[in-house]
């Protein structure tokens, strides 16, 4: 059976990503790999993460990817910055609180408008959600207060607290990232089978801040095998 691997928030940790994909997953061209967004910010090499994923695409691997709220910041800062030469745009200022400086440095630029457009185009081509026959993949979550939660794409990027109504998503389970979750809790989501969601983000960018965090995770959807790659970028 074709393996289906899901990787959540990478946040500029490209060496950790490569180790997970090449040594942990041992990705082949018969596999499908799904990324849940947040490739940039926090860590030191957001550009390197995107370059690596692009190289997988160029080499014929089955790569599917979402955008996260950090890509949303970057894309909008790029657009708003086009006609500003003296002052930063409001979204650029907001973005700086969440890792813009590290990301801009990785691209070798000082202003969002100077990022190579091919990276902005790549982000724009990312999806807000991916619907599989048994799962909904999304960066943050969904707004189940709406009759049709698929209409609210901003919640897919930003929501931090939501209660799943599986009747609105065809009885499928949600897999998401966005908010770091302690490792044993991720295991519980997977092993108990009683949850209608699986939160996968383990805060790969955390540095000796909390026990049970600091790994880049990967989940194989057929077998429910969970891999945890400790951060090797720091």
Protein backbone atom coordinates (compact mmCIF):
# COMPACT_ATOMS: atom_id res chain seq x y z
CA UNK A 1 0.00 0.00 0.00
CA UNK A 2 1.21 3.50 -0.85
CA UNK A 3 2.53 5.21 2.27
CA UNK A 4 1.06 8.60 3.19
CA UNK A 5 3.28 10.69 5.44
CA UNK A 6 2.25 13.97 7.10
CA UNK A 7 4.77 16.51 8.46
CA UNK A 8 3.64 19.61 10.40
CA UNK A 9 5.35 22.93 11.18
CA UNK A 10 9.06 22.95 10.18
CA UNK A 11 9.91 26.59 10.97
CA UNK A 12 13.22 26.94 9.16
CA UNK A 13 14.80 23.75 10.56
CA UNK A 14 16.02 22.35 7.27
CA UNK A 15 18.65 19.91 8.57
CA UNK A 16 16.07 18.37 10.89
CA UNK A 17 13.64 18.06 7.97
CA UNK A 18 16.22 16.35 5.76
CA UNK A 19 17.11 13.89 8.50
CA UNK A 20 13.45 13.04 9.06
CA UNK A 21 12.66 12.59 5.36
CA UNK A 22 15.82 10.75 4.31
CA UNK A 23 16.72 8.68 7.39
CA UNK A 24 13.42 8.40 9.25
CA UNK A 25 10.76 8.16 6.56
CA UNK A 26 13.21 7.03 3.85
CA UNK A 27 10.94 8.62 1.29
CA UNK A 28 10.45 6.90 -2.06
CA UNK A 29 8.66 8.07 -5.19
CA UNK A 30 5.87 5.58 -4.44
CA UNK A 31 5.02 7.50 -1.25
CA UNK A 32 2.90 10.62 -0.79
CA UNK A 33 4.23 13.36 1.48
CA UNK A 34 1.92 16.03 2.93
CA UNK A 35 3.17 19.22 4.58
CA UNK A 36 0.90 21.20 6.91
CA UNK A 37 2.48 24.66 6.49
CA UNK A 38 4.77 26.98 8.48
CA UNK A 39 8.00 26.34 6.59
CA UNK A 40 9.53 29.68 7.59
CA UNK A 41 10.18 31.83 10.70
CA UNK A 42 11.44 30.91 14.18
CA UNK A 43 14.31 28.81 12.82
CA UNK A 44 17.28 30.04 10.81
CA UNK A 45 16.72 28.73 7.28
CA UNK A 46 13.19 29.17 5.97
CA UNK A 47 14.52 29.55 2.44
CA UNK A 48 16.43 26.28 2.80
CA UNK A 49 13.27 24.45 3.86
CA UNK A 50 11.38 25.66 0.79
CA UNK A 51 14.37 24.93 -1.47
CA UNK A 52 14.46 21.38 -0.15
CA UNK A 53 10.74 20.80 -0.69
CA UNK A 54 11.01 22.31 -4.17
CA UNK A 55 13.88 19.93 -4.94
CA UNK A 56 11.70 16.97 -3.94
CA UNK A 57 8.99 18.23 -6.27
CA UNK A 58 11.46 18.76 -9.11
CA UNK A 59 12.77 15.22 -8.65
CA UNK A 60 9.38 13.62 -9.10
CA UNK A 61 8.31 12.93 -5.52
CA UNK A 62 4.60 13.17 -4.69
CA UNK A 63 4.60 16.35 -2.63
CA UNK A 64 1.42 18.05 -1.39
CA UNK A 65 1.53 21.16 0.74
CA UNK A 66 -0.58 23.64 2.66
CA UNK A 67 0.27 27.18 3.64
CA UNK A 68 0.37 28.24 7.27
CA UNK A 69 -0.12 31.57 8.97
CA UNK A 70 3.60 32.33 8.70
CA UNK A 71 3.49 32.04 4.90
CA UNK A 72 0.39 34.23 4.99
CA UNK A 73 2.41 36.89 6.81
CA UNK A 74 5.22 36.62 4.28
CA UNK A 75 3.00 36.78 1.18
CA UNK A 76 1.07 39.78 2.44
CA UNK A 77 4.18 41.61 3.63
CA UNK A 78 5.64 41.06 0.17
CA UNK A 79 2.55 42.59 -1.48
CA UNK A 80 2.20 45.52 0.92
CA UNK A 81 5.91 46.28 0.79
CA UNK A 82 5.98 46.78 -2.99
CA UNK A 83 5.27 50.52 -2.81
CA UNK A 84 6.79 51.34 0.56
CA UNK A 85 10.37 52.51 0.63
CA UNK A 86 10.61 54.57 3.81
CA UNK A 87 8.28 52.83 6.26
CA UNK A 88 7.42 49.22 6.96
CA UNK A 89 3.89 48.04 6.25
CA UNK A 90 1.68 47.15 9.20
CA UNK A 91 1.78 43.45 8.39
CA UNK A 92 5.58 43.57 8.11
CA UNK A 93 5.69 45.00 11.63
CA UNK A 94 3.36 42.29 12.88
CA UNK A 95 5.39 39.62 11.10
CA UNK A 96 8.57 40.75 12.85
CA UNK A 97 7.11 39.54 16.15
CA UNK A 98 6.98 35.99 14.78
CA UNK A 99 10.25 35.45 12.96
CA UNK A 100 10.44 37.78 9.95
CA UNK A 101 14.05 38.78 10.66
CA UNK A 102 15.29 35.18 10.55
CA UNK A 103 13.36 34.49 7.37
CA UNK A 104 14.49 37.62 5.55
CA UNK A 105 18.08 36.86 6.54
CA UNK A 106 17.77 33.35 5.10
CA UNK A 107 16.69 34.91 1.78
CA UNK A 108 19.59 37.38 1.96
CA UNK A 109 17.30 40.43 1.89
CA UNK A 110 16.20 43.19 4.25
CA UNK A 111 12.76 43.87 2.83
CA UNK A 112 9.93 41.46 1.97
CA UNK A 113 9.61 43.00 -1.51
CA UNK A 114 13.12 41.74 -2.33
CA UNK A 115 12.31 38.05 -1.80
CA UNK A 116 12.63 36.17 -5.10
CA UNK A 117 9.11 35.99 -6.55
CA UNK A 118 9.37 32.27 -7.22
CA UNK A 119 9.15 31.66 -3.47
CA UNK A 120 6.11 33.90 -3.11
CA UNK A 121 4.48 32.11 -6.06
CA UNK A 122 5.24 28.76 -4.43
CA UNK A 123 3.53 29.90 -1.23
CA UNK A 124 0.54 31.20 -3.19
CA UNK A 125 0.17 27.77 -4.78
CA UNK A 126 -0.15 26.14 -1.36
CA UNK A 127 -3.60 24.92 -0.38
CA UNK A 128 -5.67 25.85 2.66
CA UNK A 129 -6.75 22.25 3.21
CA UNK A 130 -6.37 18.81 1.66
CA UNK A 131 -9.27 16.38 1.80
CA UNK A 132 -8.41 12.68 1.70
CA UNK A 133 -10.86 9.80 1.76
CA UNK A 134 -10.41 9.42 5.52
CA UNK A 135 -8.81 12.65 6.79
CA UNK A 136 -8.91 16.43 6.43
CA UNK A 137 -5.42 17.97 6.53
CA UNK A 138 -5.31 21.60 7.61
CA UNK A 139 -2.73 23.89 9.17
CA UNK A 140 -4.57 25.13 12.26
CA UNK A 141 -8.15 23.85 12.36
CA UNK A 142 -11.63 24.72 11.13
CA UNK A 143 -14.55 26.92 12.12
CA UNK A 144 -17.37 24.53 12.97
CA UNK A 145 -19.66 27.38 13.98
CA UNK A 146 -20.41 27.73 10.26
CA UNK A 147 -22.78 25.48 8.37
CA UNK A 148 -19.91 24.86 5.92
CA UNK A 149 -16.55 25.06 7.74
CA UNK A 150 -14.69 24.81 4.40
CA UNK A 151 -15.71 28.41 3.64
CA UNK A 152 -13.57 29.97 6.40
CA UNK A 153 -9.99 29.78 5.13
CA UNK A 154 -8.68 32.25 7.73
CA UNK A 155 -9.64 29.87 10.53
CA UNK A 156 -7.70 27.18 8.70
CA UNK A 157 -4.60 29.36 9.19
CA UNK A 158 -5.19 30.90 12.60
CA UNK A 159 -7.71 29.14 14.85
CA UNK A 160 -6.25 27.83 18.10
CA UNK A 161 -9.30 26.32 19.78
CA UNK A 162 -12.08 24.47 17.99
CA UNK A 163 -14.51 21.63 18.55
CA UNK A 164 -14.88 19.22 15.65
CA UNK A 165 -18.30 18.42 14.25
CA UNK A 166 -17.58 15.39 12.08
CA UNK A 167 -21.06 15.59 10.55
CA UNK A 168 -19.89 18.70 8.69
CA UNK A 169 -16.80 17.03 7.23
CA UNK A 170 -18.13 13.67 6.13
CA UNK A 171 -17.19 11.81 9.30
CA UNK A 172 -13.48 12.36 8.68
CA UNK A 173 -10.76 13.08 11.22
CA UNK A 174 -8.79 16.34 11.19
CA UNK A 175 -4.98 16.34 11.25
CA UNK A 176 -3.40 19.71 11.99
CA UNK A 177 -0.39 21.57 13.35
CA UNK A 178 -0.05 25.26 14.35
CA UNK A 179 -0.08 24.94 18.16
CA UNK A 180 2.78 22.95 19.76
CA UNK A 181 1.57 19.92 21.72
CA UNK A 182 3.54 17.78 24.18
CA UNK A 183 4.85 14.52 22.73
CA UNK A 184 2.91 12.12 24.97
CA UNK A 185 -0.33 13.94 24.14
CA UNK A 186 0.32 13.49 20.41
CA UNK A 187 0.79 9.78 21.08
CA UNK A 188 -2.50 9.72 22.98
CA UNK A 189 -4.37 11.37 20.09
CA UNK A 190 -3.10 8.64 17.77
CA UNK A 191 -3.21 5.55 19.97
CA UNK A 192 -6.55 6.05 21.72
CA UNK A 193 -8.57 6.30 18.52
CA UNK A 194 -11.19 8.25 20.44
CA UNK A 195 -10.30 11.71 19.19
CA UNK A 196 -11.75 13.35 16.09
CA UNK A 197 -8.50 15.23 15.50
CA UNK A 198 -4.75 14.64 15.71
CA UNK A 199 -2.55 17.61 16.61
CA UNK A 200 0.98 16.95 15.30
CA UNK A 201 3.05 20.07 16.01
CA UNK A 202 5.65 19.37 18.71
CA UNK A 203 7.39 22.76 18.60
CA UNK A 204 10.51 21.78 16.66
CA UNK A 205 12.00 25.23 17.24
CA UNK A 206 11.85 24.97 21.04
CA UNK A 207 15.33 25.05 22.57
CA UNK A 208 15.53 23.46 26.03
CA UNK A 209 12.34 25.25 26.98
CA UNK A 210 10.08 22.36 27.86
CA UNK A 211 10.38 18.62 28.35
CA UNK A 212 8.42 16.71 25.73
CA UNK A 213 8.87 19.27 22.95
CA UNK A 214 11.45 20.08 20.28
CA UNK A 215 10.89 17.32 17.69
CA UNK A 216 9.79 17.41 14.07
CA UNK A 217 7.03 14.86 13.73
CA UNK A 218 5.86 12.62 10.88
CA UNK A 219 2.74 10.47 10.86
CA UNK A 220 2.04 7.66 8.38
CA UNK A 221 -1.71 7.62 7.81
CA UNK A 222 -2.17 3.95 6.92
CA UNK A 223 -0.26 2.38 9.80
CA UNK A 224 -0.47 5.34 12.24
CA UNK A 225 3.31 5.04 12.70
CA UNK A 226 4.66 8.15 14.41
CA UNK A 227 8.24 9.35 13.97
CA UNK A 228 9.93 12.03 16.06
CA UNK A 229 13.13 13.65 14.81
CA UNK A 230 14.91 15.75 17.47
CA UNK A 231 16.04 19.16 16.29
CA UNK A 232 19.58 19.03 14.87
CA UNK A 233 19.60 22.62 13.56
CA UNK A 234 20.47 24.14 16.94
